[in-house]
Amino acid sequence: MYVCGITPYDTTHLGHASTFVWVDTVARVLEHLGLEVQVCRNITDVDDDILAQASARDVGWQALATQQTYQFEDDMRKLRVRKPSYEPLSREYITEVIFLTRALLDRDAAYERQGNVYFRSSGVTERAGLDRAEALRLDADRGGDPDDPLKDDPLDAILWRHSDSGEPAWQSPWGDGRPGWHAECAAMATAILGLSVDIHAGGEDLAFPHHAFEAAMVETATGVAPFARSWMHIGTVTRAGEKIAKSTGNLVFVRDLLEQWQPEALRLLLVDRDWRTPWDFADADLESAAARLDELFAWAARPGGDAAADNAVVTALAHDLDVPTALAVAEEAGGSAARLAGKLLGIM
């Protein structure tokens, strides 16, 4: 499994937590089914948003990234999200990004302009099932730069960006610069897990342009397809109808919620739903989740077990992570079925 990790500034908000709790849950279920699971969760610590935040706070970008990564790791520990098998930092995979960029240039899938290297977007929008107008809107909203005058096409994606004085920079065949976002994940995923992965996970808002271009870059460079055999796009978390995100300024931080609520209650709130479906968070939801958690522990305290009920819990979770059905079985049967549900959901 490869999961797109944080860009370490303003962490950890509820949208982050939802993605990584779900990834941890599916890994637990797969391991219970007897599979060996390797999870790679990156840290995108070379990013223009980090540079902007570091400048606004008058701190070094590396210091900001390190501090925010520590906060994220602490929040994940409290939420019982297990450490991934691999946790690469973007800054440590510059050579791999350069290698990927050269491969794409060799295949005429990229071009260089004034120290920048761009990946040709032909076919990516169609593959994502989007019309051009929607693709341009999403690209502009989600980290793209369609107004860049150096591009052949506004949707072309940056592989390597020229760095100005004072910006982080590494040497490359195209001059001093830094990697593009999509190329960072493409390089880290393939360097660590190989040319394709079984499951690629991330928030729903990463489906386009990030995941679409990441997959296109890898498949074009390597000739191996599909890059990801399954995609897991976690439903967006909103508040008052607006996406919880740095860009909207309505962040709900895990560390603040955990000052009042048990981490297990927060984790239960995040997974007691369909993983694909967006949902709107309200403060009262945590009261309900805390009461639900107490009920789960009461069910688990019942003596005895029922092999058929245990199997029904596993079957529900193996069938597209149907947590509500698994919890309904746990409630009715109690005992070992409830304990198993709690274990697989990372609550017990």
Protein backbone atom coordinates (compact mmCIF):
# COMPACT_ATOMS: atom_id res chain seq x y z
CA MET A 1 0.00 0.00 0.00
CA TYR A 2 1.17 3.50 -0.81
CA VAL A 3 -0.61 6.37 0.92
CA CYS A 4 0.03 10.02 0.22
CA GLY A 5 1.17 11.49 3.51
CA ILE A 6 1.17 14.98 4.91
CA THR A 7 2.72 18.17 3.68
CA PRO A 8 4.01 19.14 7.12
CA TYR A 9 2.50 22.47 8.02
CA ASP A 10 -0.68 22.98 10.05
CA THR A 11 -0.96 19.32 11.05
CA THR A 12 -2.79 17.18 12.04
CA HIS A 13 -6.32 18.14 10.99
CA LEU A 14 -9.37 15.89 10.90
CA GLY A 15 -9.07 15.29 7.16
CA HIS A 16 -5.55 13.91 7.66
CA ALA A 17 -6.75 11.71 10.51
CA SER A 18 -9.60 10.26 8.47
CA THR A 19 -7.27 9.12 5.69
CA PHE A 20 -4.62 7.56 7.90
CA VAL A 21 -7.02 5.86 10.31
CA TRP A 22 -8.78 4.25 7.33
CA VAL A 23 -5.46 3.10 5.85
CA ASP A 24 -4.45 1.61 9.19
CA THR A 25 -7.82 -0.13 9.43
CA VAL A 26 -7.64 -1.75 6.01
CA ALA A 27 -4.08 -2.93 6.79
CA ARG A 28 -5.30 -4.54 10.03
CA VAL A 29 -8.12 -6.32 8.20
CA LEU A 30 -5.83 -7.58 5.44
CA GLU A 31 -3.31 -8.86 7.99
CA HIS A 32 -6.10 -10.68 9.85
CA LEU A 33 -6.97 -12.35 6.53
CA GLY A 34 -3.40 -13.67 6.38
CA LEU A 35 -1.77 -11.21 4.00
CA GLU A 36 1.61 -9.59 4.51
CA VAL A 37 1.02 -5.84 4.25
CA GLN A 38 3.69 -3.22 3.61
CA VAL A 39 2.56 0.39 4.00
CA CYS A 40 4.57 3.28 2.59
CA ARG A 41 3.39 6.69 3.86
CA ASN A 42 5.46 9.60 2.64
CA ILE A 43 6.18 13.03 4.07
CA THR A 44 6.15 15.75 1.38
CA ASP A 45 8.67 18.03 3.07
CA VAL A 46 9.74 19.87 -0.11
CA ASP A 47 6.73 21.93 -1.14
CA ASP A 48 5.96 25.53 -2.01
CA ASP A 49 3.25 25.73 0.67
CA ILE A 50 5.84 24.89 3.32
CA LEU A 51 8.11 27.61 1.98
CA ALA A 52 5.28 30.14 2.16
CA GLN A 53 4.33 29.12 5.70
CA ALA A 54 7.93 29.14 6.89
CA SER A 55 8.38 32.63 5.50
CA ALA A 56 5.15 33.84 7.13
CA ARG A 57 6.24 32.43 10.50
CA ASP A 58 9.85 33.59 10.06
CA VAL A 59 11.31 30.12 10.57
CA GLY A 60 13.40 27.84 8.37
CA TRP A 61 11.42 25.54 6.11
CA GLN A 62 13.27 22.46 7.38
CA ALA A 63 12.61 23.43 11.01
CA LEU A 64 8.90 23.91 10.28
CA ALA A 65 8.66 20.58 8.46
CA THR A 66 10.45 18.75 11.28
CA GLN A 67 8.27 20.28 14.02
CA GLN A 68 5.04 19.59 12.15
CA THR A 69 6.11 16.04 11.33
CA TYR A 70 6.72 15.42 15.04
CA GLN A 71 3.22 16.71 15.85
CA PHE A 72 1.73 14.45 13.18
CA GLU A 73 3.57 11.38 14.47
CA ASP A 74 2.39 12.10 18.01
CA ASP A 75 -1.23 12.48 16.86
CA MET A 76 -1.04 9.21 14.91
CA ARG A 77 0.35 7.38 17.95
CA LYS A 78 -2.52 8.62 20.11
CA LEU A 79 -5.04 7.51 17.46
CA ARG A 80 -3.47 4.04 17.50
CA VAL A 81 -2.35 4.34 13.90
CA ARG A 82 0.62 2.01 13.62
CA LYS A 83 3.87 3.20 12.16
CA PRO A 84 4.11 2.39 8.44
CA SER A 85 6.70 0.01 7.05
CA TYR A 86 8.33 2.95 5.24
CA GLU A 87 8.05 6.70 5.77
CA PRO A 88 10.19 8.42 3.12
CA LEU A 89 10.93 12.15 3.12
CA SER A 90 10.75 13.94 -0.21
CA ARG A 91 14.09 15.65 0.38
CA GLU A 92 15.79 12.24 0.46
CA TYR A 93 14.50 11.18 -2.99
CA ILE A 94 15.73 14.00 -5.20
CA THR A 95 17.98 11.68 -7.20
CA GLU A 96 15.01 9.42 -7.95
CA VAL A 97 12.94 12.40 -9.13
CA ILE A 98 15.76 13.42 -11.47
CA PHE A 99 15.98 9.86 -12.80
CA LEU A 100 12.21 9.81 -13.42
CA THR A 101 12.34 13.20 -15.14
CA ARG A 102 15.15 12.11 -17.46
CA ALA A 103 13.22 8.96 -18.37
CA LEU A 104 10.16 11.02 -19.30
CA LEU A 105 12.27 13.45 -21.34
CA ASP A 106 13.83 10.51 -23.18
CA ARG A 107 10.33 9.32 -24.11
CA ASP A 108 9.31 12.78 -25.30
CA ALA A 109 6.65 12.79 -22.57
CA ALA A 110 8.21 15.91 -21.04
CA TYR A 111 9.95 19.11 -22.14
CA GLU A 112 12.31 21.66 -20.55
CA ARG A 113 11.81 25.43 -20.42
CA GLN A 114 14.12 27.85 -18.59
CA GLY A 115 15.14 25.33 -15.94
CA ASN A 116 11.63 23.91 -15.51
CA VAL A 117 10.64 20.48 -16.79
CA TYR A 118 6.99 19.76 -17.59
CA PHE A 119 5.13 16.48 -18.09
CA ARG A 120 2.78 16.45 -21.07
CA SER A 121 -0.83 16.12 -19.92
CA SER A 122 -2.19 14.54 -23.10
CA GLY A 123 -4.63 11.76 -22.19
CA VAL A 124 -4.52 12.29 -18.42
CA THR A 125 -7.76 14.26 -18.24
CA GLU A 126 -9.64 11.75 -20.37
CA ARG A 127 -8.33 8.87 -18.28
CA ALA A 128 -9.61 10.60 -15.16
CA GLY A 129 -13.06 10.89 -16.73
CA LEU A 130 -13.12 14.69 -16.62
CA ASP A 131 -13.93 17.28 -19.23
CA ARG A 132 -11.32 19.96 -19.81
CA ALA A 133 -13.14 22.73 -17.97
CA GLU A 134 -13.51 20.65 -14.82
CA ALA A 135 -9.90 19.46 -15.04
CA LEU A 136 -8.66 23.05 -15.27
CA ARG A 137 -10.78 24.05 -12.29
CA LEU A 138 -9.53 21.18 -10.14
CA ASP A 139 -5.92 21.72 -11.22
CA ALA A 140 -6.07 25.38 -10.21
CA ASP A 141 -7.74 24.55 -6.88
CA ARG A 142 -5.42 21.68 -6.00
CA GLY A 143 -1.88 22.88 -6.43
CA GLY A 144 -1.55 23.25 -10.19
CA ASP A 145 -0.45 26.37 -12.02
CA PRO A 146 -2.47 26.55 -15.24
CA ASP A 147 -1.44 30.18 -15.80
CA ASP A 148 2.27 29.35 -16.11
CA PRO A 149 3.24 30.95 -19.48
CA LEU A 150 6.08 28.47 -20.06
CA LYS A 151 3.70 25.51 -20.49
CA ASP A 152 2.63 24.13 -23.83
CA ASP A 153 -0.70 23.25 -22.25
CA PRO A 154 -2.13 24.74 -19.01
CA LEU A 155 -2.67 21.23 -17.64
CA ASP A 156 0.93 20.10 -18.11
CA ALA A 157 2.43 19.18 -14.74
CA ILE A 158 5.72 20.31 -13.26
CA LEU A 159 8.36 17.61 -12.84
CA TRP A 160 11.27 19.88 -11.90
CA ARG A 161 11.01 23.53 -10.87
CA HIS A 162 13.73 26.17 -11.14
CA SER A 163 14.66 27.57 -7.72
CA ASP A 164 15.33 31.25 -7.15
CA SER A 165 17.89 32.55 -4.70
CA GLY A 166 16.96 31.65 -1.13
CA GLU A 167 14.70 28.76 -2.12
CA PRO A 168 15.70 25.13 -1.47
CA ALA A 169 17.62 23.82 -4.45
CA TRP A 170 19.42 20.73 -5.67
CA GLN A 171 21.66 20.33 -8.69
CA SER A 172 20.14 18.77 -11.79
CA PRO A 173 20.83 18.57 -15.54
CA TRP A 174 18.40 21.50 -15.95
CA GLY A 175 19.95 23.73 -13.31
CA ASP A 176 19.41 24.15 -9.58
CA GLY A 177 15.85 23.44 -8.60
CA ARG A 178 13.43 21.24 -6.69
CA PRO A 179 10.94 18.48 -7.51
CA GLY A 180 7.29 18.83 -8.43
CA TRP A 181 4.66 17.34 -6.15
CA HIS A 182 3.37 14.55 -8.41
CA ALA A 183 6.90 13.53 -9.32
CA GLU A 184 7.89 13.27 -5.65
CA CYS A 185 5.24 10.63 -4.91
CA ALA A 186 5.89 8.81 -8.18
CA ALA A 187 9.60 8.58 -7.35
CA MET A 188 9.15 7.55 -3.72
CA ALA A 189 6.49 4.92 -4.43
CA THR A 190 8.45 3.21 -7.19
CA ALA A 191 11.81 3.43 -5.41
CA ILE A 192 10.41 1.73 -2.31
CA LEU A 193 7.57 -0.55 -3.45
CA GLY A 194 8.44 -1.24 -7.09
CA LEU A 195 6.84 -0.32 -10.40
CA SER A 196 3.28 -1.02 -9.27
CA VAL A 197 1.37 -1.23 -5.99
CA ASP A 198 -1.64 -3.23 -4.86
CA ILE A 199 -3.47 -0.34 -3.18
CA HIS A 200 -2.87 3.40 -3.49
CA ALA A 201 -4.69 5.49 -0.89
CA GLY A 202 -5.28 9.14 -0.15
CA GLY A 203 -8.00 11.70 0.30
CA GLU A 204 -10.67 12.02 -2.39
CA ASP A 205 -9.33 15.46 -3.26
CA LEU A 206 -6.06 13.86 -4.40
CA ALA A 207 -7.69 11.81 -7.17
CA PHE A 208 -7.13 14.65 -9.65
CA PRO A 209 -4.69 16.03 -10.46
CA HIS A 210 -2.25 14.39 -8.03
CA HIS A 211 -2.98 10.69 -8.37
CA ALA A 212 -3.90 10.90 -12.04
CA PHE A 213 -0.57 12.51 -12.92
CA GLU A 214 1.45 10.38 -10.53
CA ALA A 215 0.13 7.22 -12.19
CA ALA A 216 0.60 8.62 -15.69
CA MET A 217 4.21 9.58 -14.95
CA VAL A 218 5.10 6.14 -13.61
CA GLU A 219 3.35 4.20 -16.37
CA THR A 220 4.86 6.37 -19.11
CA ALA A 221 8.37 6.12 -17.68
CA THR A 222 8.31 2.39 -16.93
CA GLY A 223 5.86 0.88 -19.41
CA VAL A 224 4.27 -1.02 -16.51
CA ALA A 225 0.51 -0.62 -16.11
CA PRO A 226 -1.49 -0.24 -14.05
CA PHE A 227 0.63 1.63 -11.54
CA ALA A 228 -2.02 1.00 -8.87
CA ARG A 229 -4.23 -2.08 -9.04
CA SER A 230 -6.72 -0.52 -6.63
CA TRP A 231 -7.39 3.08 -5.57
CA MET A 232 -8.71 4.00 -2.15
CA HIS A 233 -9.94 7.60 -2.15
CA ILE A 234 -11.24 8.48 1.30
CA GLY A 235 -14.34 10.68 1.43
CA THR A 236 -13.72 14.35 2.15
CA VAL A 237 -14.43 15.70 5.64
CA THR A 238 -16.36 18.97 5.66
CA ARG A 239 -17.54 21.37 8.34
CA ALA A 240 -20.69 23.40 7.80
CA GLY A 241 -20.59 22.16 4.21
CA GLU A 242 -17.05 23.32 3.46
CA LYS A 243 -14.05 21.01 3.10
CA ILE A 244 -11.78 20.87 6.14
CA ALA A 245 -8.48 21.98 4.66
CA LYS A 246 -5.64 24.43 5.06
CA SER A 247 -6.84 26.33 2.02
CA THR A 248 -10.27 27.00 3.52
CA GLY A 249 -9.04 28.00 6.98
CA ASN A 250 -11.60 25.88 8.85
CA LEU A 251 -9.19 23.32 10.27
CA VAL A 252 -10.17 21.06 13.14
CA PHE A 253 -6.99 19.80 14.81
CA VAL A 254 -6.65 16.34 16.31
CA ARG A 255 -4.61 17.66 19.22
CA ASP A 256 -7.45 20.01 20.19
CA LEU A 257 -10.10 17.29 20.00
CA LEU A 258 -8.01 14.93 22.12
CA GLU A 259 -7.89 17.44 24.96
CA GLN A 260 -11.55 16.60 25.57
CA TRP A 261 -12.26 13.25 23.95
CA GLN A 262 -10.77 9.75 24.10
CA PRO A 263 -8.68 8.93 21.03
CA GLU A 264 -10.63 5.69 20.62
CA ALA A 265 -13.86 7.71 20.36
CA LEU A 266 -12.37 9.89 17.66
CA ARG A 267 -11.11 6.85 15.79
CA LEU A 268 -14.55 5.22 16.02
CA LEU A 269 -16.17 8.40 14.70
CA LEU A 270 -13.86 8.34 11.68
CA VAL A 271 -14.53 4.74 10.67
CA ASP A 272 -18.18 4.18 11.60
CA ARG A 273 -19.34 5.09 8.09
CA ASP A 274 -18.77 4.28 4.42
CA TRP A 275 -15.15 5.12 3.66
CA ARG A 276 -15.87 6.62 0.23
CA THR A 277 -18.66 8.97 1.28
CA PRO A 278 -17.92 12.59 2.22
CA TRP A 279 -19.30 13.60 5.61
CA ASP A 280 -19.91 16.79 7.52
CA PHE A 281 -18.33 16.99 10.98
CA ALA A 282 -20.16 18.59 13.89
CA ASP A 283 -18.95 18.81 17.50
CA ALA A 284 -21.96 16.80 18.67
CA ASP A 285 -20.73 13.86 16.60
CA LEU A 286 -18.04 13.17 19.16
CA GLU A 287 -20.60 12.89 21.94
CA SER A 288 -22.37 10.20 19.93
CA ALA A 289 -19.07 8.45 19.17
CA ALA A 290 -18.09 8.44 22.84
CA ALA A 291 -21.43 6.86 23.77
CA ARG A 292 -21.01 4.33 20.96
CA LEU A 293 -17.54 3.49 22.27
CA ASP A 294 -18.94 2.79 25.74
CA GLU A 295 -21.50 0.51 24.16
CA LEU A 296 -18.80 -1.37 22.24
CA PHE A 297 -16.82 -1.99 25.42
CA ALA A 298 -20.00 -3.19 27.12
CA TRP A 299 -20.69 -5.61 24.27
CA ALA A 300 -17.09 -6.84 24.43
CA ALA A 301 -17.41 -7.46 28.18
CA ARG A 302 -20.06 -10.12 27.64
CA PRO A 303 -18.59 -13.58 28.24
CA GLY A 304 -18.21 -16.26 25.64
CA GLY A 305 -18.04 -16.24 21.88
CA ASP A 306 -19.77 -17.25 18.72
CA ALA A 307 -17.67 -18.47 15.80
CA ALA A 308 -20.39 -17.63 13.30
CA ALA A 309 -20.65 -14.06 14.63
CA ASP A 310 -16.86 -13.71 14.57
CA ASN A 311 -16.87 -14.81 10.95
CA ALA A 312 -19.65 -12.37 10.15
CA VAL A 313 -17.58 -9.48 11.55
CA VAL A 314 -14.61 -10.45 9.40
CA THR A 315 -16.80 -10.97 6.33
CA ALA A 316 -18.33 -7.49 6.69
CA LEU A 317 -14.94 -5.82 6.99
CA ALA A 318 -13.46 -7.90 4.17
CA HIS A 319 -16.39 -6.82 1.99
CA ASP A 320 -15.35 -3.24 1.25
CA LEU A 321 -14.73 -2.32 4.92
CA ASP A 322 -18.39 -2.42 5.90
CA VAL A 323 -17.88 -1.12 9.43
CA PRO A 324 -21.55 -0.38 10.23
CA THR A 325 -22.50 -4.00 9.50
CA ALA A 326 -19.55 -5.31 11.53
CA LEU A 327 -20.62 -3.18 14.49
CA ALA A 328 -24.23 -4.31 14.14
CA VAL A 329 -23.04 -7.93 14.41
CA ALA A 330 -20.87 -7.01 17.40
CA GLU A 331 -23.84 -5.39 19.12
CA GLU A 332 -26.14 -8.36 18.60
CA ALA A 333 -23.65 -11.11 19.45
CA GLY A 334 -21.38 -9.39 21.96
CA GLY A 335 -18.48 -11.30 23.46
CA SER A 336 -15.76 -12.40 21.07
CA ALA A 337 -17.44 -10.78 18.05
CA ALA A 338 -17.35 -7.38 19.72
CA ARG A 339 -13.77 -7.89 20.87
CA LEU A 340 -12.73 -8.90 17.37
CA ALA A 341 -14.47 -5.87 15.85
CA GLY A 342 -12.71 -3.61 18.34
CA LYS A 343 -9.36 -5.17 17.53
CA LEU A 344 -9.72 -4.94 13.76
CA LEU A 345 -10.92 -1.33 13.98
CA GLY A 346 -7.88 -0.47 16.09
CA ILE A 347 -9.95 0.48 19.13
CA MET A 348 -9.05 -2.38 21.49
